[in-house]
Amino acid sequence: MSLDAVISADLVKTRAEIAALSSAVLSARSEIAGLTTQVNNSSVIKSVQRGIVSILSTAPNATVINIATVNPSKCLVSFLGSTGYFAMNDVSFSNLTRMRLLDSNRIEILKSLTGSGTTNVELSWEVVEFN
């Protein structure tokens, strides 16, 4: 048997293996695309909105924030923390603030305390809407 015949047989075998690998790669890509679609469509979270609002101690007791429209029955509103304080007669008080979802596109922030100082309180909030 000549060397050319051996090389030719090896080339035919290698080409067949490459064709089989190419087919397997195409099949794997198709399966991965299908899994990606399933994972993307199975998330329990529909949207997340976050923000920071600055409230003066002299501001009205209620502050309203507009948000993108959500389904109120599928939402969770979270207070993520705050900085600053309200002061009365040079005595500092904790920031005692409450928040609630008023309707499908508004959050209301209620102050528990009205102080006389001018220090801003920065409050961080989050609205998570579920599917």
C-alpha atoms as a PDB file:
ATOM      1  CA  MET A   1       0.000   0.000   0.000  1.00  0.00           C
ATOM      2  CA  SER A   2       1.418   3.377  -0.954  1.00  0.00           C
ATOM      3  CA  LEU A   3       1.679   6.380   1.313  1.00  0.00           C
ATOM      4  CA  ASP A   4      -0.716   8.326  -0.951  1.00  0.00           C
ATOM      5  CA  ALA A   5      -3.457   5.754  -0.369  1.00  0.00           C
ATOM      6  CA  VAL A   6      -3.001   5.958   3.432  1.00  0.00           C
ATOM      7  CA  ILE A   7      -3.077   9.772   3.370  1.00  0.00           C
ATOM      8  CA  SER A   8      -6.139   9.738   1.117  1.00  0.00           C
ATOM      9  CA  ALA A   9      -7.975   7.322   3.438  1.00  0.00           C
ATOM     10  CA  ASP A  10      -7.053   9.479   6.465  1.00  0.00           C
ATOM     11  CA  LEU A  11      -8.345  12.603   4.678  1.00  0.00           C
ATOM     12  CA  VAL A  12     -11.654  10.920   3.891  1.00  0.00           C
ATOM     13  CA  LYS A  13     -11.980   9.808   7.513  1.00  0.00           C
ATOM     14  CA  THR A  14     -11.047  13.299   8.832  1.00  0.00           C
ATOM     15  CA  ARG A  15     -13.574  14.969   6.517  1.00  0.00           C
ATOM     16  CA  ALA A  16     -16.292  12.634   7.779  1.00  0.00           C
ATOM     17  CA  GLU A  17     -15.364  13.414  11.397  1.00  0.00           C
ATOM     18  CA  ILE A  18     -15.420  17.174  10.689  1.00  0.00           C
ATOM     19  CA  ALA A  19     -18.844  16.843   9.064  1.00  0.00           C
ATOM     20  CA  ALA A  20     -20.131  14.911  12.098  1.00  0.00           C
ATOM     21  CA  LEU A  21     -18.693  17.536  14.486  1.00  0.00           C
ATOM     22  CA  SER A  22     -20.235  20.374  12.473  1.00  0.00           C
ATOM     23  CA  SER A  23     -23.599  18.654  12.671  1.00  0.00           C
ATOM     24  CA  ALA A  24     -23.214  18.131  16.428  1.00  0.00           C
ATOM     25  CA  VAL A  25     -22.254  21.803  16.943  1.00  0.00           C
ATOM     26  CA  LEU A  26     -25.328  22.972  14.991  1.00  0.00           C
ATOM     27  CA  SER A  27     -27.525  20.682  17.057  1.00  0.00           C
ATOM     28  CA  ALA A  28     -25.973  21.940  20.319  1.00  0.00           C
ATOM     29  CA  ARG A  29     -26.443  25.583  19.260  1.00  0.00           C
ATOM     30  CA  SER A  30     -30.095  24.917  18.512  1.00  0.00           C
ATOM     31  CA  GLU A  31     -30.598  23.230  21.892  1.00  0.00           C
ATOM     32  CA  ILE A  32     -28.827  26.093  23.733  1.00  0.00           C
ATOM     33  CA  ALA A  33     -31.023  28.653  21.944  1.00  0.00           C
ATOM     34  CA  GLY A  34     -34.111  26.732  23.072  1.00  0.00           C
ATOM     35  CA  LEU A  35     -32.868  26.601  26.673  1.00  0.00           C
ATOM     36  CA  THR A  36     -32.068  30.317  26.623  1.00  0.00           C
ATOM     37  CA  THR A  37     -35.623  31.061  25.509  1.00  0.00           C
ATOM     38  CA  GLN A  38     -37.024  28.848  28.282  1.00  0.00           C
ATOM     39  CA  VAL A  39     -34.857  30.528  30.945  1.00  0.00           C
ATOM     40  CA  ASN A  40     -35.739  34.032  29.728  1.00  0.00           C
ATOM     41  CA  ASN A  41     -39.450  33.236  29.678  1.00  0.00           C
ATOM     42  CA  SER A  42     -39.489  31.573  33.110  1.00  0.00           C
ATOM     43  CA  SER A  43     -38.362  34.545  35.211  1.00  0.00           C
ATOM     44  CA  VAL A  44     -40.745  35.381  38.039  1.00  0.00           C
ATOM     45  CA  ILE A  45     -39.720  39.049  37.955  1.00  0.00           C
ATOM     46  CA  LYS A  46     -41.332  41.224  35.302  1.00  0.00           C
ATOM     47  CA  SER A  47     -39.706  44.566  36.157  1.00  0.00           C
ATOM     48  CA  VAL A  48     -37.597  46.350  38.763  1.00  0.00           C
ATOM     49  CA  GLN A  49     -37.673  50.101  39.344  1.00  0.00           C
ATOM     50  CA  ARG A  50     -35.379  51.890  41.794  1.00  0.00           C
ATOM     51  CA  GLY A  51     -34.812  55.471  42.747  1.00  0.00           C
ATOM     52  CA  ILE A  52     -33.709  58.008  45.299  1.00  0.00           C
ATOM     53  CA  VAL A  53     -35.810  60.943  46.451  1.00  0.00           C
ATOM     54  CA  SER A  54     -34.570  63.900  48.449  1.00  0.00           C
ATOM     55  CA  ILE A  55     -37.036  65.298  50.999  1.00  0.00           C
ATOM     56  CA  LEU A  56     -36.541  68.533  52.950  1.00  0.00           C
ATOM     57  CA  SER A  57     -37.586  68.561  56.577  1.00  0.00           C
ATOM     58  CA  THR A  58     -39.848  71.502  55.713  1.00  0.00           C
ATOM     59  CA  ALA A  59     -41.563  69.587  52.873  1.00  0.00           C
ATOM     60  CA  PRO A  60     -45.204  68.466  53.183  1.00  0.00           C
ATOM     61  CA  ASN A  61     -45.793  65.225  55.070  1.00  0.00           C
ATOM     62  CA  ALA A  62     -46.562  63.313  51.851  1.00  0.00           C
ATOM     63  CA  THR A  63     -44.313  63.132  48.801  1.00  0.00           C
ATOM     64  CA  VAL A  64     -45.548  61.395  45.640  1.00  0.00           C
ATOM     65  CA  ILE A  65     -43.170  59.755  43.136  1.00  0.00           C
ATOM     66  CA  ASN A  66     -44.284  58.798  39.632  1.00  0.00           C
ATOM     67  CA  ILE A  67     -43.126  55.400  38.357  1.00  0.00           C
ATOM     68  CA  ALA A  68     -43.693  53.338  35.219  1.00  0.00           C
ATOM     69  CA  THR A  69     -47.086  51.610  35.257  1.00  0.00           C
ATOM     70  CA  VAL A  70     -47.232  48.316  37.178  1.00  0.00           C
ATOM     71  CA  ASN A  71     -49.906  45.878  38.299  1.00  0.00           C
ATOM     72  CA  PRO A  72     -50.373  46.796  42.002  1.00  0.00           C
ATOM     73  CA  SER A  73     -51.573  43.304  42.900  1.00  0.00           C
ATOM     74  CA  LYS A  74     -48.252  41.846  41.718  1.00  0.00           C
ATOM     75  CA  CYS A  75     -45.832  44.350  43.273  1.00  0.00           C
ATOM     76  CA  LEU A  76     -43.572  44.641  46.253  1.00  0.00           C
ATOM     77  CA  VAL A  77     -42.509  48.129  47.392  1.00  0.00           C
ATOM     78  CA  SER A  78     -39.323  48.265  49.448  1.00  0.00           C
ATOM     79  CA  PHE A  79     -37.630  50.983  51.473  1.00  0.00           C
ATOM     80  CA  LEU A  80     -33.904  50.494  50.809  1.00  0.00           C
ATOM     81  CA  GLY A  81     -32.579  52.949  53.380  1.00  0.00           C
ATOM     82  CA  SER A  82     -31.956  56.635  53.914  1.00  0.00           C
ATOM     83  CA  THR A  83     -29.366  59.217  54.845  1.00  0.00           C
ATOM     84  CA  GLY A  84     -29.852  62.440  56.773  1.00  0.00           C
ATOM     85  CA  TYR A  85     -32.237  63.289  59.571  1.00  0.00           C
ATOM     86  CA  PHE A  86     -34.991  65.672  60.559  1.00  0.00           C
ATOM     87  CA  ALA A  87     -34.215  68.025  63.429  1.00  0.00           C
ATOM     88  CA  MET A  88     -36.456  69.808  65.915  1.00  0.00           C
ATOM     89  CA  ASN A  89     -35.095  72.486  68.249  1.00  0.00           C
ATOM     90  CA  ASP A  90     -31.519  71.315  67.600  1.00  0.00           C
ATOM     91  CA  VAL A  91     -32.420  67.737  68.580  1.00  0.00           C
ATOM     92  CA  SER A  92     -31.939  65.111  65.879  1.00  0.00           C
ATOM     93  CA  PHE A  93     -34.545  62.434  65.287  1.00  0.00           C
ATOM     94  CA  SER A  94     -34.393  59.251  63.288  1.00  0.00           C
ATOM     95  CA  ASN A  95     -35.926  59.350  59.853  1.00  0.00           C
ATOM     96  CA  LEU A  96     -39.253  57.636  60.494  1.00  0.00           C
ATOM     97  CA  THR A  97     -40.672  57.323  56.995  1.00  0.00           C
ATOM     98  CA  ARG A  98     -43.326  55.028  55.512  1.00  0.00           C
ATOM     99  CA  MET A  99     -44.047  54.326  51.878  1.00  0.00           C
ATOM    100  CA  ARG A 100     -46.828  52.694  49.924  1.00  0.00           C
ATOM    101  CA  LEU A 101     -47.957  52.101  46.385  1.00  0.00           C
ATOM    102  CA  LEU A 102     -50.819  54.544  45.809  1.00  0.00           C
ATOM    103  CA  ASP A 103     -51.889  53.114  42.454  1.00  0.00           C
ATOM    104  CA  SER A 104     -50.413  51.603  39.297  1.00  0.00           C
ATOM    105  CA  ASN A 105     -47.937  54.430  38.715  1.00  0.00           C
ATOM    106  CA  ARG A 106     -47.370  56.320  41.985  1.00  0.00           C
ATOM    107  CA  ILE A 107     -45.566  55.736  45.288  1.00  0.00           C
ATOM    108  CA  GLU A 108     -46.384  57.848  48.328  1.00  0.00           C
ATOM    109  CA  ILE A 109     -43.785  58.595  50.989  1.00  0.00           C
ATOM    110  CA  LEU A 110     -45.144  59.721  54.348  1.00  0.00           C
ATOM    111  CA  LYS A 111     -43.043  61.431  57.003  1.00  0.00           C
ATOM    112  CA  SER A 112     -43.800  60.539  60.615  1.00  0.00           C
ATOM    113  CA  LEU A 113     -42.076  63.655  61.843  1.00  0.00           C
ATOM    114  CA  THR A 114     -41.919  67.265  60.697  1.00  0.00           C
ATOM    115  CA  GLY A 115     -38.740  68.929  61.854  1.00  0.00           C
ATOM    116  CA  SER A 116     -37.527  72.495  61.771  1.00  0.00           C
ATOM    117  CA  GLY A 117     -34.090  71.864  60.274  1.00  0.00           C
ATOM    118  CA  THR A 118     -33.138  72.146  56.622  1.00  0.00           C
ATOM    119  CA  THR A 119     -31.225  68.888  56.319  1.00  0.00           C
ATOM    120  CA  ASN A 120     -32.368  66.796  53.368  1.00  0.00           C
ATOM    121  CA  VAL A 121     -33.269  63.182  53.893  1.00  0.00           C
ATOM    122  CA  GLU A 122     -32.385  61.037  50.897  1.00  0.00           C
ATOM    123  CA  LEU A 123     -34.522  57.954  50.702  1.00  0.00           C
ATOM    124  CA  SER A 124     -33.913  54.960  48.419  1.00  0.00           C
ATOM    125  CA  TRP A 125     -36.839  52.875  47.164  1.00  0.00           C
ATOM    126  CA  GLU A 126     -37.547  49.878  44.926  1.00  0.00           C
ATOM    127  CA  VAL A 127     -40.641  48.475  43.221  1.00  0.00           C
ATOM    128  CA  VAL A 128     -40.492  44.859  42.013  1.00  0.00           C
ATOM    129  CA  GLU A 129     -43.294  43.642  39.756  1.00  0.00           C
ATOM    130  CA  PHE A 130     -43.801  39.885  39.429  1.00  0.00           C
ATOM    131  CA  ASN A 131     -45.266  37.925  36.506  1.00  0.00           C
END
